[in-house]
Each structure stands twice: as structure tokens, then as C-alpha cells.
Amino acid sequence: MGGEPIVRADRTIGLKIPLAKINGQQLNELVRQAWRHQAPRKLVAALDAAYAGDVAGSDLPRTIPAPARRALLAAGIRTLAQVAEHSRAELLALHGVGPKAIRVLEQSLSASEMAFRG
């Protein structure tokens, strides 16, 4: 990426990268890693589990796209019952949740005699 460390009092506190040298995916990963170093361990563990898709007690359909699954888990939505507490618009506002995920969730909710809120 061609970054330059930002140092204060002999301690590296950041990384300076020209925006033209980094894409959105790389930037997202850098922000995620920086957050991991500062966040409480419990939240880091929850995010790691969400990225791995390994969340005990989750009944979210395995057929939803991985980005949507991670977004739901990171938002604390682990079950279809929790999905039903939200509207389509609320879920679509989560980065990673798109129309395909909404269709799959709607089918799963319907099969369980539930529906989106509103």
C-alpha cells in the first residue's frame, strides 16, 4: 500500500496512506484491524465469530450471502426471531445486506410463520 508510519513520542500511532494508493477493501481492513486493537475483547471475539460464521444459537439461513451474514451477526442479530424485530429498510441499511439476503430471509421467516416488522 505504500504507507508511512505516524510516530509520536517514539510510538507508532497510525499510518499515513495517500487515498489514491488504497482501495475501499484495503481501507476497510485497516480500519477493522485498528478497531480490533482498541475494542473490548468481548466485542472482538463477537466480530471474529461473525466473520467465521460460527455463532452458537444462530438459526440464520446458511444460504444468505456471507457479507449479509457478517453484517447481521455484527449487529447482534443471530436468530430469525431477531430478524423479525426489524423492518426490511432497517436491515437493508446494514452494510452488506442487499436484496438477495432480504429475499432469503423473507422466505425463511415465512417458513417459520414470521415476517419482517412493519
N, C-alpha and C. Protein backbone atom coordinates (compact mmCIF):
# COMPACT_ATOMS: atom_id res chain seq x y z
N MET A 1 0.82 -1.20 0.00
CA MET A 1 0.00 0.00 0.00
C MET A 1 0.86 1.26 0.00
N GLY A 2 2.08 1.14 0.45
CA GLY A 2 2.96 2.30 0.42
C GLY A 2 2.67 3.32 1.50
N GLY A 3 2.35 2.87 2.70
CA GLY A 3 2.04 3.78 3.78
C GLY A 3 3.27 4.25 4.53
N GLU A 4 3.10 5.32 5.28
CA GLU A 4 4.17 5.91 6.09
C GLU A 4 3.70 5.95 7.54
N PRO A 5 4.48 5.35 8.47
CA PRO A 5 4.06 5.36 9.88
C PRO A 5 3.98 6.78 10.43
N ILE A 6 3.00 6.99 11.30
CA ILE A 6 2.88 8.25 12.03
C ILE A 6 3.40 7.96 13.44
N VAL A 7 4.46 8.67 13.83
CA VAL A 7 5.12 8.40 15.11
C VAL A 7 5.04 9.64 16.00
N ARG A 8 4.67 9.42 17.26
CA ARG A 8 4.63 10.47 18.27
C ARG A 8 5.32 9.93 19.52
N ALA A 9 6.28 10.67 20.04
CA ALA A 9 7.00 10.26 21.25
C ALA A 9 7.53 8.83 21.14
N ASP A 10 8.17 8.55 20.02
CA ASP A 10 8.77 7.23 19.75
C ASP A 10 7.76 6.09 19.74
N ARG A 11 6.50 6.40 19.48
CA ARG A 11 5.46 5.38 19.44
C ARG A 11 4.68 5.53 18.14
N THR A 12 4.51 4.44 17.41
CA THR A 12 3.72 4.47 16.19
C THR A 12 2.25 4.54 16.58
N ILE A 13 1.58 5.58 16.10
CA ILE A 13 0.17 5.77 16.46
C ILE A 13 -0.76 5.68 15.25
N GLY A 14 -0.20 5.52 14.08
CA GLY A 14 -1.06 5.45 12.90
C GLY A 14 -0.27 5.19 11.64
N LEU A 15 -0.96 5.31 10.53
CA LEU A 15 -0.39 5.05 9.22
C LEU A 15 -0.94 6.08 8.25
N LYS A 16 -0.05 6.73 7.54
CA LYS A 16 -0.46 7.75 6.57
C LYS A 16 -0.36 7.13 5.17
N ILE A 17 -1.51 7.08 4.50
CA ILE A 17 -1.57 6.49 3.16
C ILE A 17 -2.33 7.45 2.25
N PRO A 18 -1.74 7.84 1.12
CA PRO A 18 -2.49 8.67 0.18
C PRO A 18 -3.73 7.92 -0.32
N LEU A 19 -4.86 8.59 -0.36
CA LEU A 19 -6.11 7.94 -0.77
C LEU A 19 -6.01 7.32 -2.16
N ALA A 20 -5.20 7.91 -3.02
CA ALA A 20 -5.04 7.37 -4.37
C ALA A 20 -4.33 6.01 -4.37
N LYS A 21 -3.68 5.66 -3.28
CA LYS A 21 -2.91 4.42 -3.20
C LYS A 21 -3.66 3.27 -2.52
N ILE A 22 -4.89 3.51 -2.11
CA ILE A 22 -5.62 2.49 -1.36
C ILE A 22 -7.05 2.38 -1.89
N ASN A 23 -7.55 1.14 -1.94
CA ASN A 23 -8.94 0.96 -2.37
C ASN A 23 -9.83 0.76 -1.14
N GLY A 24 -11.10 0.73 -1.37
CA GLY A 24 -12.06 0.63 -0.27
C GLY A 24 -11.90 -0.63 0.56
N GLN A 25 -11.61 -1.75 -0.09
CA GLN A 25 -11.46 -3.00 0.64
C GLN A 25 -10.24 -2.94 1.56
N GLN A 26 -9.15 -2.40 1.06
CA GLN A 26 -7.94 -2.28 1.88
C GLN A 26 -8.19 -1.33 3.05
N LEU A 27 -8.85 -0.23 2.79
CA LEU A 27 -9.14 0.74 3.84
C LEU A 27 -10.03 0.12 4.92
N ASN A 28 -11.04 -0.62 4.48
CA ASN A 28 -11.94 -1.29 5.42
C ASN A 28 -11.16 -2.25 6.32
N GLU A 29 -10.24 -3.00 5.74
CA GLU A 29 -9.44 -3.95 6.52
C GLU A 29 -8.54 -3.22 7.52
N LEU A 30 -7.94 -2.12 7.10
CA LEU A 30 -7.10 -1.34 8.02
C LEU A 30 -7.91 -0.79 9.19
N VAL A 31 -9.10 -0.29 8.90
CA VAL A 31 -9.96 0.24 9.97
C VAL A 31 -10.38 -0.89 10.91
N ARG A 32 -10.72 -2.05 10.34
CA ARG A 32 -11.12 -3.19 11.17
C ARG A 32 -9.98 -3.63 12.09
N GLN A 33 -8.77 -3.69 11.55
CA GLN A 33 -7.63 -4.10 12.37
C GLN A 33 -7.32 -3.07 13.46
N ALA A 34 -7.41 -1.80 13.11
CA ALA A 34 -7.18 -0.75 14.11
C ALA A 34 -8.22 -0.86 15.23
N TRP A 35 -9.48 -1.10 14.84
CA TRP A 35 -10.55 -1.25 15.83
C TRP A 35 -10.28 -2.44 16.74
N ARG A 36 -9.82 -3.55 16.16
CA ARG A 36 -9.54 -4.77 16.94
C ARG A 36 -8.53 -4.50 18.06
N HIS A 37 -7.58 -3.61 17.81
CA HIS A 37 -6.54 -3.32 18.81
C HIS A 37 -7.05 -2.43 19.94
N GLN A 38 -8.17 -1.76 19.74
CA GLN A 38 -8.69 -0.84 20.75
C GLN A 38 -9.98 -1.31 21.40
N ALA A 39 -10.71 -2.18 20.75
CA ALA A 39 -12.03 -2.59 21.23
C ALA A 39 -11.93 -3.57 22.40
N PRO A 40 -12.97 -3.64 23.21
CA PRO A 40 -13.02 -4.64 24.28
C PRO A 40 -12.94 -6.06 23.70
N ARG A 41 -12.28 -6.94 24.41
CA ARG A 41 -12.06 -8.32 23.91
C ARG A 41 -13.36 -9.03 23.57
N LYS A 42 -14.40 -8.78 24.34
CA LYS A 42 -15.68 -9.44 24.09
C LYS A 42 -16.23 -9.04 22.71
N LEU A 43 -16.11 -7.77 22.37
CA LEU A 43 -16.58 -7.32 21.06
C LEU A 43 -15.72 -7.88 19.93
N VAL A 44 -14.42 -7.95 20.16
CA VAL A 44 -13.51 -8.51 19.16
C VAL A 44 -13.87 -9.98 18.91
N ALA A 45 -14.12 -10.72 19.99
CA ALA A 45 -14.50 -12.13 19.86
C ALA A 45 -15.81 -12.27 19.09
N ALA A 46 -16.76 -11.39 19.35
CA ALA A 46 -18.04 -11.43 18.64
C ALA A 46 -17.85 -11.15 17.16
N LEU A 47 -17.00 -10.19 16.84
CA LEU A 47 -16.74 -9.88 15.43
C LEU A 47 -16.03 -11.03 14.74
N ASP A 48 -15.05 -11.63 15.42
CA ASP A 48 -14.35 -12.78 14.84
C ASP A 48 -15.32 -13.93 14.57
N ALA A 49 -16.22 -14.18 15.51
CA ALA A 49 -17.22 -15.23 15.32
C ALA A 49 -18.14 -14.90 14.16
N ALA A 50 -18.51 -13.64 14.03
CA ALA A 50 -19.37 -13.22 12.92
C ALA A 50 -18.67 -13.44 11.59
N TYR A 51 -17.40 -13.09 11.51
CA TYR A 51 -16.66 -13.27 10.26
C TYR A 51 -16.50 -14.75 9.92
N ALA A 52 -16.37 -15.59 10.95
CA ALA A 52 -16.23 -17.02 10.72
C ALA A 52 -17.59 -17.69 10.50
N GLY A 53 -18.66 -17.01 10.86
CA GLY A 53 -19.99 -17.60 10.73
C GLY A 53 -20.30 -18.60 11.83
N ASP A 54 -19.47 -18.64 12.86
CA ASP A 54 -19.64 -19.59 13.96
C ASP A 54 -20.25 -18.90 15.17
N VAL A 55 -21.55 -18.86 15.21
CA VAL A 55 -22.21 -18.23 16.35
C VAL A 55 -23.20 -19.23 16.93
N ALA A 56 -22.95 -19.63 18.16
CA ALA A 56 -23.82 -20.60 18.83
C ALA A 56 -25.23 -20.04 18.92
N GLY A 57 -26.19 -20.89 18.66
CA GLY A 57 -27.58 -20.49 18.78
C GLY A 57 -28.13 -19.73 17.59
N SER A 58 -27.34 -19.58 16.54
CA SER A 58 -27.81 -18.86 15.36
C SER A 58 -28.60 -19.80 14.46
N ASP A 59 -29.79 -19.35 14.07
CA ASP A 59 -30.57 -20.12 13.11
C ASP A 59 -30.73 -19.36 11.79
N LEU A 60 -29.83 -18.41 11.56
CA LEU A 60 -29.88 -17.68 10.29
C LEU A 60 -29.61 -18.65 9.15
N PRO A 61 -30.31 -18.50 8.03
CA PRO A 61 -30.11 -19.44 6.92
C PRO A 61 -28.69 -19.36 6.38
N ARG A 62 -28.11 -20.52 6.11
CA ARG A 62 -26.75 -20.58 5.56
C ARG A 62 -26.71 -20.07 4.12
N THR A 63 -27.86 -19.92 3.50
CA THR A 63 -27.89 -19.50 2.09
C THR A 63 -27.83 -17.99 1.89
N ILE A 64 -27.86 -17.22 2.99
CA ILE A 64 -27.70 -15.78 2.79
C ILE A 64 -26.24 -15.50 2.47
N PRO A 65 -25.97 -14.49 1.65
CA PRO A 65 -24.58 -14.18 1.29
C PRO A 65 -23.74 -13.87 2.53
N ALA A 66 -22.46 -14.25 2.48
CA ALA A 66 -21.55 -14.08 3.62
C ALA A 66 -21.49 -12.64 4.13
N PRO A 67 -21.42 -11.61 3.25
CA PRO A 67 -21.38 -10.25 3.78
C PRO A 67 -22.63 -9.90 4.60
N ALA A 68 -23.78 -10.39 4.16
CA ALA A 68 -25.03 -10.12 4.89
C ALA A 68 -25.02 -10.85 6.23
N ARG A 69 -24.56 -12.08 6.22
CA ARG A 69 -24.49 -12.86 7.46
C ARG A 69 -23.58 -12.15 8.47
N ARG A 70 -22.42 -11.69 8.02
CA ARG A 70 -21.50 -10.98 8.91
C ARG A 70 -22.13 -9.70 9.43
N ALA A 71 -22.82 -8.98 8.56
CA ALA A 71 -23.46 -7.72 8.97
C ALA A 71 -24.52 -7.97 10.04
N LEU A 72 -25.33 -8.99 9.83
CA LEU A 72 -26.38 -9.31 10.81
C LEU A 72 -25.76 -9.72 12.15
N LEU A 73 -24.79 -10.60 12.10
CA LEU A 73 -24.16 -11.06 13.33
C LEU A 73 -23.44 -9.92 14.05
N ALA A 74 -22.77 -9.07 13.30
CA ALA A 74 -22.08 -7.93 13.91
C ALA A 74 -23.07 -6.96 14.55
N ALA A 75 -24.30 -6.92 14.02
CA ALA A 75 -25.34 -6.05 14.59
C ALA A 75 -26.07 -6.73 15.74
N GLY A 76 -25.65 -7.94 16.10
CA GLY A 76 -26.28 -8.65 17.21
C GLY A 76 -27.53 -9.42 16.82
N ILE A 77 -27.76 -9.57 15.53
CA ILE A 77 -28.93 -10.30 15.04
C ILE A 77 -28.49 -11.72 14.73
N ARG A 78 -28.89 -12.67 15.59
CA ARG A 78 -28.41 -14.04 15.48
C ARG A 78 -29.50 -15.05 15.13
N THR A 79 -30.75 -14.65 15.28
CA THR A 79 -31.85 -15.59 15.05
C THR A 79 -32.89 -14.98 14.12
N LEU A 80 -33.71 -15.85 13.55
CA LEU A 80 -34.80 -15.36 12.71
C LEU A 80 -35.78 -14.52 13.52
N ALA A 81 -35.98 -14.89 14.78
CA ALA A 81 -36.88 -14.09 15.63
C ALA A 81 -36.34 -12.67 15.77
N GLN A 82 -35.03 -12.52 15.87
CA GLN A 82 -34.44 -11.18 15.95
C GLN A 82 -34.54 -10.46 14.61
N VAL A 83 -34.44 -11.20 13.51
CA VAL A 83 -34.64 -10.60 12.18
C VAL A 83 -36.04 -10.02 12.10
N ALA A 84 -37.04 -10.77 12.61
CA ALA A 84 -38.44 -10.36 12.54
C ALA A 84 -38.72 -9.09 13.35
N GLU A 85 -37.81 -8.72 14.24
CA GLU A 85 -37.98 -7.49 15.02
C GLU A 85 -37.61 -6.24 14.22
N HIS A 86 -37.10 -6.43 13.01
CA HIS A 86 -36.63 -5.32 12.18
C HIS A 86 -37.42 -5.24 10.88
N SER A 87 -37.45 -4.05 10.32
CA SER A 87 -38.09 -3.86 9.01
C SER A 87 -37.08 -4.18 7.91
N ARG A 88 -37.58 -4.37 6.70
CA ARG A 88 -36.69 -4.57 5.55
C ARG A 88 -35.72 -3.40 5.42
N ALA A 89 -36.25 -2.19 5.56
CA ALA A 89 -35.43 -0.98 5.40
C ALA A 89 -34.30 -0.93 6.43
N GLU A 90 -34.60 -1.32 7.67
CA GLU A 90 -33.56 -1.32 8.71
C GLU A 90 -32.44 -2.29 8.36
N LEU A 91 -32.82 -3.46 7.87
CA LEU A 91 -31.81 -4.46 7.53
C LEU A 91 -31.03 -4.05 6.29
N LEU A 92 -31.72 -3.48 5.31
CA LEU A 92 -31.03 -3.02 4.10
C LEU A 92 -30.04 -1.89 4.40
N ALA A 93 -30.25 -1.19 5.49
CA ALA A 93 -29.34 -0.11 5.87
C ALA A 93 -28.01 -0.64 6.41
N LEU A 94 -27.97 -1.92 6.77
CA LEU A 94 -26.72 -2.52 7.24
C LEU A 94 -25.81 -2.76 6.05
N HIS A 95 -24.57 -2.33 6.15
CA HIS A 95 -23.61 -2.53 5.07
C HIS A 95 -23.39 -4.03 4.89
N GLY A 96 -23.68 -4.54 3.71
CA GLY A 96 -23.52 -5.96 3.42
C GLY A 96 -24.84 -6.67 3.18
N VAL A 97 -25.94 -6.07 3.64
CA VAL A 97 -27.26 -6.68 3.45
C VAL A 97 -27.89 -6.08 2.20
N GLY A 98 -28.17 -6.94 1.24
CA GLY A 98 -28.76 -6.48 -0.01
C GLY A 98 -30.06 -7.19 -0.31
N PRO A 99 -30.62 -6.95 -1.49
CA PRO A 99 -31.91 -7.53 -1.87
C PRO A 99 -31.94 -9.06 -1.82
N LYS A 100 -30.83 -9.71 -2.22
CA LYS A 100 -30.81 -11.18 -2.20
C LYS A 100 -30.95 -11.69 -0.76
N ALA A 101 -30.22 -11.09 0.16
CA ALA A 101 -30.31 -11.51 1.56
C ALA A 101 -31.72 -11.30 2.09
N ILE A 102 -32.33 -10.20 1.72
CA ILE A 102 -33.71 -9.91 2.17
C ILE A 102 -34.66 -10.98 1.64
N ARG A 103 -34.50 -11.37 0.37
CA ARG A 103 -35.36 -12.42 -0.21
C ARG A 103 -35.20 -13.74 0.55
N VAL A 104 -33.96 -14.13 0.81
CA VAL A 104 -33.70 -15.39 1.52
C VAL A 104 -34.27 -15.32 2.94
N LEU A 105 -34.05 -14.21 3.61
CA LEU A 105 -34.59 -14.05 4.97
C LEU A 105 -36.11 -14.07 4.97
N GLU A 106 -36.71 -13.42 3.99
CA GLU A 106 -38.18 -13.39 3.91
C GLU A 106 -38.74 -14.80 3.72
N GLN A 107 -38.09 -15.60 2.88
CA GLN A 107 -38.53 -16.99 2.68
C GLN A 107 -38.40 -17.80 3.97
N SER A 108 -37.29 -17.62 4.67
CA SER A 108 -37.08 -18.34 5.92
C SER A 108 -38.07 -17.90 7.00
N LEU A 109 -38.32 -16.60 7.06
CA LEU A 109 -39.31 -16.10 8.02
C LEU A 109 -40.68 -16.67 7.72
N SER A 110 -41.06 -16.67 6.46
CA SER A 110 -42.37 -17.18 6.05
C SER A 110 -42.51 -18.66 6.41
N ALA A 111 -41.45 -19.43 6.18
CA ALA A 111 -41.48 -20.86 6.51
C ALA A 111 -41.63 -21.08 8.02
N SER A 112 -41.20 -20.11 8.80
CA SER A 112 -41.32 -20.19 10.26
C SER A 112 -42.52 -19.41 10.79
N GLU A 113 -43.42 -19.03 9.88
CA GLU A 113 -44.62 -18.27 10.21
C GLU A 113 -44.31 -16.96 10.92
N MET A 114 -43.27 -16.28 10.42
CA MET A 114 -42.89 -14.96 10.92
C MET A 114 -42.77 -14.03 9.72
N ALA A 115 -42.61 -12.74 10.01
CA ALA A 115 -42.45 -11.75 8.94
C ALA A 115 -41.63 -10.58 9.46
N PHE A 116 -41.14 -9.76 8.53
CA PHE A 116 -40.44 -8.54 8.92
C PHE A 116 -41.40 -7.63 9.67
N ARG A 117 -40.86 -6.79 10.55
CA ARG A 117 -41.66 -5.81 11.27
C ARG A 117 -42.17 -4.77 10.27
N GLY A 118 -43.37 -4.32 10.51
CA GLY A 118 -43.92 -3.24 9.68
C GLY A 118 -44.31 -3.75 8.37
